[in-house]
């Protein structure tokens, strides 16, 4: 048999069984030592803990109060700064009381008059009665408030004539450049709608629409036509026949010219 030799490498030992040669083994505690070991926690500083808790509660109450102030400020729309309510400017486009006079080119609104200094009980019919005599050229009214109204005429000359005609007993009138601030602000919102003078709509009837509808439905009108309509239809037919005859004569003349031409070859 071969003699026993020391292996070149150390034998494998699991980690729980490994021990360091430099440090002594951990001794197992006896049951008496374990029994005598105190499991009580070290004494705490009760006064210090209570003070820290009070400080924490105070900080939470302060932060909660500031948060409540911010919520109230956001709800009512007022900013709170150092206990004082700061005024927030109004939103863009909001109406402002005491606004200054808007920039308006008054030479483009000479056909506009302001009617003012009349009772609140008056309505549009009363103001139209005061402007009697301008129905032919036409005008229309736009109310500003209960005691101010703007009258838009067909031209500046008509507005000047109305200004001289109004007596001032029931209602007074003045040029737009001398109008109240409310009227100027109303016009400044949409000046393009006021720049065009009033234009009376020409008289119309429903005969054209009636004829188109019957044509699409392939129906024939049973309504009796007036003598004027019959005369107009007769003139239209004659004009159409004359135009067709002229076209035929022109074509025949062109054809005769081409037929009469002779081509002479050298």
Protein backbone atom coordinates (compact mmCIF):
# COMPACT_ATOMS: atom_id res chain seq x y z
CA UNK A 1 0.00 0.00 0.00
CA UNK A 2 1.07 3.50 -0.69
CA UNK A 3 1.84 5.65 2.31
CA UNK A 4 -0.69 8.26 3.25
CA UNK A 5 0.24 11.66 1.91
CA UNK A 6 -1.10 15.01 2.78
CA UNK A 7 -3.29 16.24 -0.03
CA UNK A 8 -2.06 19.17 -2.03
CA UNK A 9 -5.23 21.16 -1.39
CA UNK A 10 -7.27 21.55 1.75
CA UNK A 11 -10.37 19.54 2.17
CA UNK A 12 -13.64 21.25 1.35
CA UNK A 13 -15.69 22.34 4.33
CA UNK A 14 -19.13 23.93 4.16
CA UNK A 15 -19.32 27.57 5.29
CA UNK A 16 -21.08 26.86 8.62
CA UNK A 17 -18.22 24.58 9.68
CA UNK A 18 -15.46 26.92 8.62
CA UNK A 19 -13.58 28.67 11.43
CA UNK A 20 -10.83 31.18 11.34
CA UNK A 21 -7.55 30.19 12.90
CA UNK A 22 -6.95 33.76 14.06
CA UNK A 23 -10.25 34.27 15.90
CA UNK A 24 -11.54 32.01 18.68
CA UNK A 25 -14.69 30.04 18.27
CA UNK A 26 -17.92 31.54 19.26
CA UNK A 27 -19.01 30.00 22.46
CA UNK A 28 -22.54 28.93 22.86
CA UNK A 29 -24.42 30.79 25.57
CA UNK A 30 -25.72 28.82 28.43
CA UNK A 31 -29.35 28.67 29.24
CA UNK A 32 -28.79 30.57 32.50
CA UNK A 33 -27.10 33.40 30.66
CA UNK A 34 -29.92 33.55 28.15
CA UNK A 35 -32.45 33.55 30.97
CA UNK A 36 -30.64 36.34 32.81
CA UNK A 37 -30.32 38.50 29.68
CA UNK A 38 -32.66 41.47 29.88
CA UNK A 39 -35.06 41.96 26.96
CA UNK A 40 -36.14 45.36 28.09
CA UNK A 41 -35.58 48.32 25.76
CA UNK A 42 -33.33 51.12 26.86
CA UNK A 43 -35.16 53.96 28.62
CA UNK A 44 -36.42 56.72 26.38
CA UNK A 45 -36.39 60.43 26.89
CA UNK A 46 -40.11 61.00 27.33
CA UNK A 47 -39.87 64.75 27.56
CA UNK A 48 -37.81 64.97 24.37
CA UNK A 49 -40.23 62.76 22.47
CA UNK A 50 -43.24 64.83 23.57
CA UNK A 51 -41.52 68.03 22.54
CA UNK A 52 -40.68 66.61 19.10
CA UNK A 53 -44.27 65.44 18.66
CA UNK A 54 -45.63 68.87 19.61
CA UNK A 55 -43.23 70.54 17.18
CA UNK A 56 -44.34 68.20 14.39
CA UNK A 57 -48.02 68.84 15.10
CA UNK A 58 -47.43 72.58 15.11
CA UNK A 59 -45.64 72.42 11.77
CA UNK A 60 -48.48 70.38 10.29
CA UNK A 61 -51.09 72.84 11.57
CA UNK A 62 -49.18 75.78 10.07
CA UNK A 63 -48.81 74.08 6.70
CA UNK A 64 -52.48 73.04 6.73
CA UNK A 65 -53.59 76.60 7.52
CA UNK A 66 -51.56 78.02 4.66
CA UNK A 67 -52.98 75.39 2.34
CA UNK A 68 -56.53 76.31 3.44
CA UNK A 69 -55.79 79.97 2.72
CA UNK A 70 -54.56 79.08 -0.75
CA UNK A 71 -57.68 77.00 -1.37
CA UNK A 72 -59.94 79.85 -0.25
CA UNK A 73 -57.98 82.28 -2.40
CA UNK A 74 -58.27 80.06 -5.45
CA UNK A 75 -61.98 79.56 -4.81
CA UNK A 76 -62.83 83.24 -4.53
CA UNK A 77 -60.30 84.48 -7.10
CA UNK A 78 -58.26 86.62 -4.63
CA UNK A 79 -54.56 86.19 -4.02
CA UNK A 80 -53.38 86.21 -0.39
CA UNK A 81 -50.00 87.84 0.16
CA UNK A 82 -48.73 88.23 3.72
CA UNK A 83 -52.26 88.20 5.08
CA UNK A 84 -53.51 90.90 2.61
CA UNK A 85 -55.74 90.35 -0.32
CA UNK A 86 -54.11 91.49 -3.55
CA UNK A 87 -56.31 92.78 -6.37
CA UNK A 88 -56.15 90.57 -9.44
CA UNK A 89 -56.64 92.36 -12.79
CA UNK A 90 -59.83 91.40 -14.67
CA UNK A 91 -59.74 88.89 -17.44
CA UNK A 92 -58.96 89.94 -20.96
CA UNK A 93 -62.06 91.19 -22.81
CA UNK A 94 -64.00 92.06 -19.65
CA UNK A 95 -65.92 95.34 -19.65
CA UNK A 96 -64.31 98.11 -17.65
CA UNK A 97 -66.24 100.92 -16.05
CA UNK A 98 -64.88 104.32 -16.90
CA UNK A 99 -63.05 103.20 -20.03
CA UNK A 100 -61.48 105.88 -22.09
CA UNK A 101 -62.85 106.89 -25.48
CA UNK A 102 -61.98 104.37 -28.22
CA UNK A 103 -60.06 105.34 -31.34
CA UNK A 104 -62.65 105.85 -34.10
CA UNK A 105 -62.32 107.49 -37.51
CA UNK A 106 -65.43 109.67 -37.35
CA UNK A 107 -65.30 110.71 -40.99
CA UNK A 108 -66.46 107.20 -41.93
CA UNK A 109 -69.57 107.47 -39.73
CA UNK A 110 -71.18 110.69 -40.88
CA UNK A 111 -74.33 108.74 -41.78
CA UNK A 112 -74.85 107.71 -38.12
CA UNK A 113 -76.77 109.81 -35.58
CA UNK A 114 -77.32 109.25 -31.89
CA UNK A 115 -80.83 109.67 -30.52
CA UNK A 116 -80.80 110.48 -26.81
CA UNK A 117 -82.57 112.29 -23.96
CA UNK A 118 -85.91 110.50 -24.35
CA UNK A 119 -88.08 108.59 -21.92
CA UNK A 120 -87.44 104.95 -21.19
CA UNK A 121 -91.02 104.09 -22.13
CA UNK A 122 -90.42 104.91 -25.80
CA UNK A 123 -89.89 102.06 -28.24
CA UNK A 124 -88.70 101.72 -31.83
CA UNK A 125 -92.08 102.66 -33.28
CA UNK A 126 -92.03 106.00 -31.44
CA UNK A 127 -88.55 106.81 -32.72
CA UNK A 128 -89.51 105.82 -36.27
CA UNK A 129 -92.50 108.17 -36.06
CA UNK A 130 -90.12 110.98 -35.13
CA UNK A 131 -88.11 110.19 -38.28
CA UNK A 132 -91.13 110.18 -40.58
CA UNK A 133 -90.28 111.21 -44.12
CA UNK A 134 -87.15 109.09 -44.47
CA UNK A 135 -88.89 105.86 -45.42
CA UNK A 136 -87.97 106.25 -49.09
CA UNK A 137 -84.23 106.48 -48.52
CA UNK A 138 -84.47 104.14 -45.55
CA UNK A 139 -82.79 103.87 -42.14
CA UNK A 140 -82.58 101.44 -39.24
CA UNK A 141 -82.20 101.74 -35.48
CA UNK A 142 -79.80 100.01 -33.09
CA UNK A 143 -80.39 100.38 -29.38
CA UNK A 144 -77.53 101.10 -26.98
CA UNK A 145 -79.53 101.29 -23.74
CA UNK A 146 -82.94 102.52 -22.57
CA UNK A 147 -82.16 106.17 -23.33
CA UNK A 148 -79.69 105.96 -26.25
CA UNK A 149 -80.21 104.69 -29.77
CA UNK A 150 -78.15 104.88 -32.97
CA UNK A 151 -79.85 105.69 -36.29
CA UNK A 152 -78.05 104.59 -39.47
CA UNK A 153 -79.10 106.42 -42.66
CA UNK A 154 -78.37 105.81 -46.32
CA UNK A 155 -75.95 108.75 -46.65
CA UNK A 156 -74.42 111.63 -44.75
CA UNK A 157 -76.75 114.11 -46.45
CA UNK A 158 -79.79 112.17 -45.23
CA UNK A 159 -78.37 112.12 -41.71
CA UNK A 160 -77.81 115.88 -41.80
CA UNK A 161 -81.35 116.41 -43.06
CA UNK A 162 -82.75 114.25 -40.25
CA UNK A 163 -80.64 116.16 -37.72
CA UNK A 164 -82.19 119.44 -38.84
CA UNK A 165 -85.71 117.98 -38.96
CA UNK A 166 -85.87 116.49 -35.44
CA UNK A 167 -87.61 119.01 -33.19
CA UNK A 168 -86.12 117.85 -29.90
CA UNK A 169 -89.42 117.80 -28.01
CA UNK A 170 -89.73 114.02 -27.86
CA UNK A 171 -86.18 112.99 -28.66
CA UNK A 172 -82.91 114.79 -29.33
CA UNK A 173 -80.27 113.92 -31.91
CA UNK A 174 -76.59 114.68 -32.46
CA UNK A 175 -73.76 113.61 -34.70
CA UNK A 176 -71.90 110.48 -33.82
CA UNK A 177 -68.66 112.29 -33.03
CA UNK A 178 -70.55 113.98 -30.15
CA UNK A 179 -72.24 110.76 -29.00
CA UNK A 180 -72.01 109.23 -25.54
CA UNK A 181 -69.21 106.90 -24.50
CA UNK A 182 -71.56 103.91 -24.40
CA UNK A 183 -72.54 104.43 -28.05
CA UNK A 184 -68.92 104.79 -29.13
CA UNK A 185 -67.94 101.62 -27.30
CA UNK A 186 -70.80 99.74 -28.97
CA UNK A 187 -69.67 100.86 -32.42
CA UNK A 188 -65.99 100.20 -31.64
CA UNK A 189 -66.74 96.51 -31.06
CA UNK A 190 -67.55 96.01 -34.77
CA UNK A 191 -66.87 99.18 -36.78
CA UNK A 192 -67.13 97.33 -40.08
CA UNK A 193 -70.83 96.66 -39.52
CA UNK A 194 -71.52 100.39 -39.15
CA UNK A 195 -69.29 101.79 -41.88
CA UNK A 196 -71.67 100.75 -44.67
CA UNK A 197 -74.67 103.10 -45.05
CA UNK A 198 -78.16 101.71 -45.05
CA UNK A 199 -79.21 100.30 -48.41
CA UNK A 200 -82.85 99.65 -49.06
CA UNK A 201 -83.65 96.20 -50.35
CA UNK A 202 -85.23 96.21 -53.81
CA UNK A 203 -88.79 94.89 -54.07
CA UNK A 204 -88.94 91.21 -54.91
CA UNK A 205 -91.57 88.53 -55.43
CA UNK A 206 -91.69 84.77 -55.34
CA UNK A 207 -92.49 84.21 -59.02
CA UNK A 208 -88.94 83.16 -59.93
CA UNK A 209 -88.66 80.71 -57.05
CA UNK A 210 -92.12 79.35 -57.83
CA UNK A 211 -91.19 78.80 -61.46
CA UNK A 212 -87.93 77.02 -60.56
CA UNK A 213 -89.65 74.68 -58.13
CA UNK A 214 -92.34 73.77 -60.65
CA UNK A 215 -89.69 73.15 -63.29
CA UNK A 216 -87.79 70.73 -61.06
CA UNK A 217 -91.00 68.90 -60.20
CA UNK A 218 -92.06 68.77 -63.88
CA UNK A 219 -95.30 70.51 -63.05
CA UNK A 220 -97.18 73.21 -64.86
CA UNK A 221 -98.39 76.27 -63.06
CA UNK A 222 -102.14 76.67 -62.83
CA UNK A 223 -102.05 80.23 -61.55
CA UNK A 224 -103.39 82.88 -63.89
CA UNK A 225 -100.76 85.33 -65.09
CA UNK A 226 -101.22 89.04 -64.99
CA UNK A 227 -101.32 91.10 -68.22
CA UNK A 228 -97.89 92.50 -67.43
CA UNK A 229 -96.41 89.01 -67.16
CA UNK A 230 -98.05 87.93 -70.40
CA UNK A 231 -96.73 90.99 -72.20
CA UNK A 232 -93.23 90.37 -70.86
CA UNK A 233 -93.29 86.74 -71.99
CA UNK A 234 -94.43 87.84 -75.45
CA UNK A 235 -91.58 90.34 -75.75
CA UNK A 236 -89.08 87.73 -74.58
CA UNK A 237 -90.26 85.24 -77.18
CA UNK A 238 -90.08 87.81 -79.97
CA UNK A 239 -86.58 88.83 -78.92
CA UNK A 240 -85.48 85.19 -78.87
CA UNK A 241 -86.94 84.54 -82.33
CA UNK A 242 -85.24 87.63 -83.72
CA UNK A 243 -81.88 86.54 -82.27
CA UNK A 244 -82.21 83.09 -83.81
CA UNK A 245 -83.13 84.58 -87.21
CA UNK A 246 -80.08 86.85 -87.14
CA UNK A 247 -77.86 83.89 -86.31
CA UNK A 248 -79.24 81.90 -89.25
CA UNK A 249 -78.75 84.81 -91.66
CA UNK A 250 -75.16 85.24 -90.48
CA UNK A 251 -74.40 81.57 -91.06
CA UNK A 252 -75.90 81.66 -94.57
CA UNK A 253 -73.90 84.74 -95.46
CA UNK A 254 -70.65 83.10 -94.34
CA UNK A 255 -71.47 79.97 -96.31
CA UNK A 256 -72.20 82.00 -99.46
CA UNK A 257 -68.86 83.76 -99.16
CA UNK A 258 -66.98 80.45 -99.03
CA UNK A 259 -68.97 79.02 -101.96
CA UNK A 260 -68.30 82.03 -104.22
CA UNK A 261 -64.53 81.98 -103.72
CA UNK A 262 -62.47 80.69 -106.66
CA UNK A 263 -59.03 79.25 -106.32
CA UNK A 264 -56.71 80.18 -109.23
CA UNK A 265 -53.62 77.96 -109.46
CA UNK A 266 -50.65 79.05 -111.61
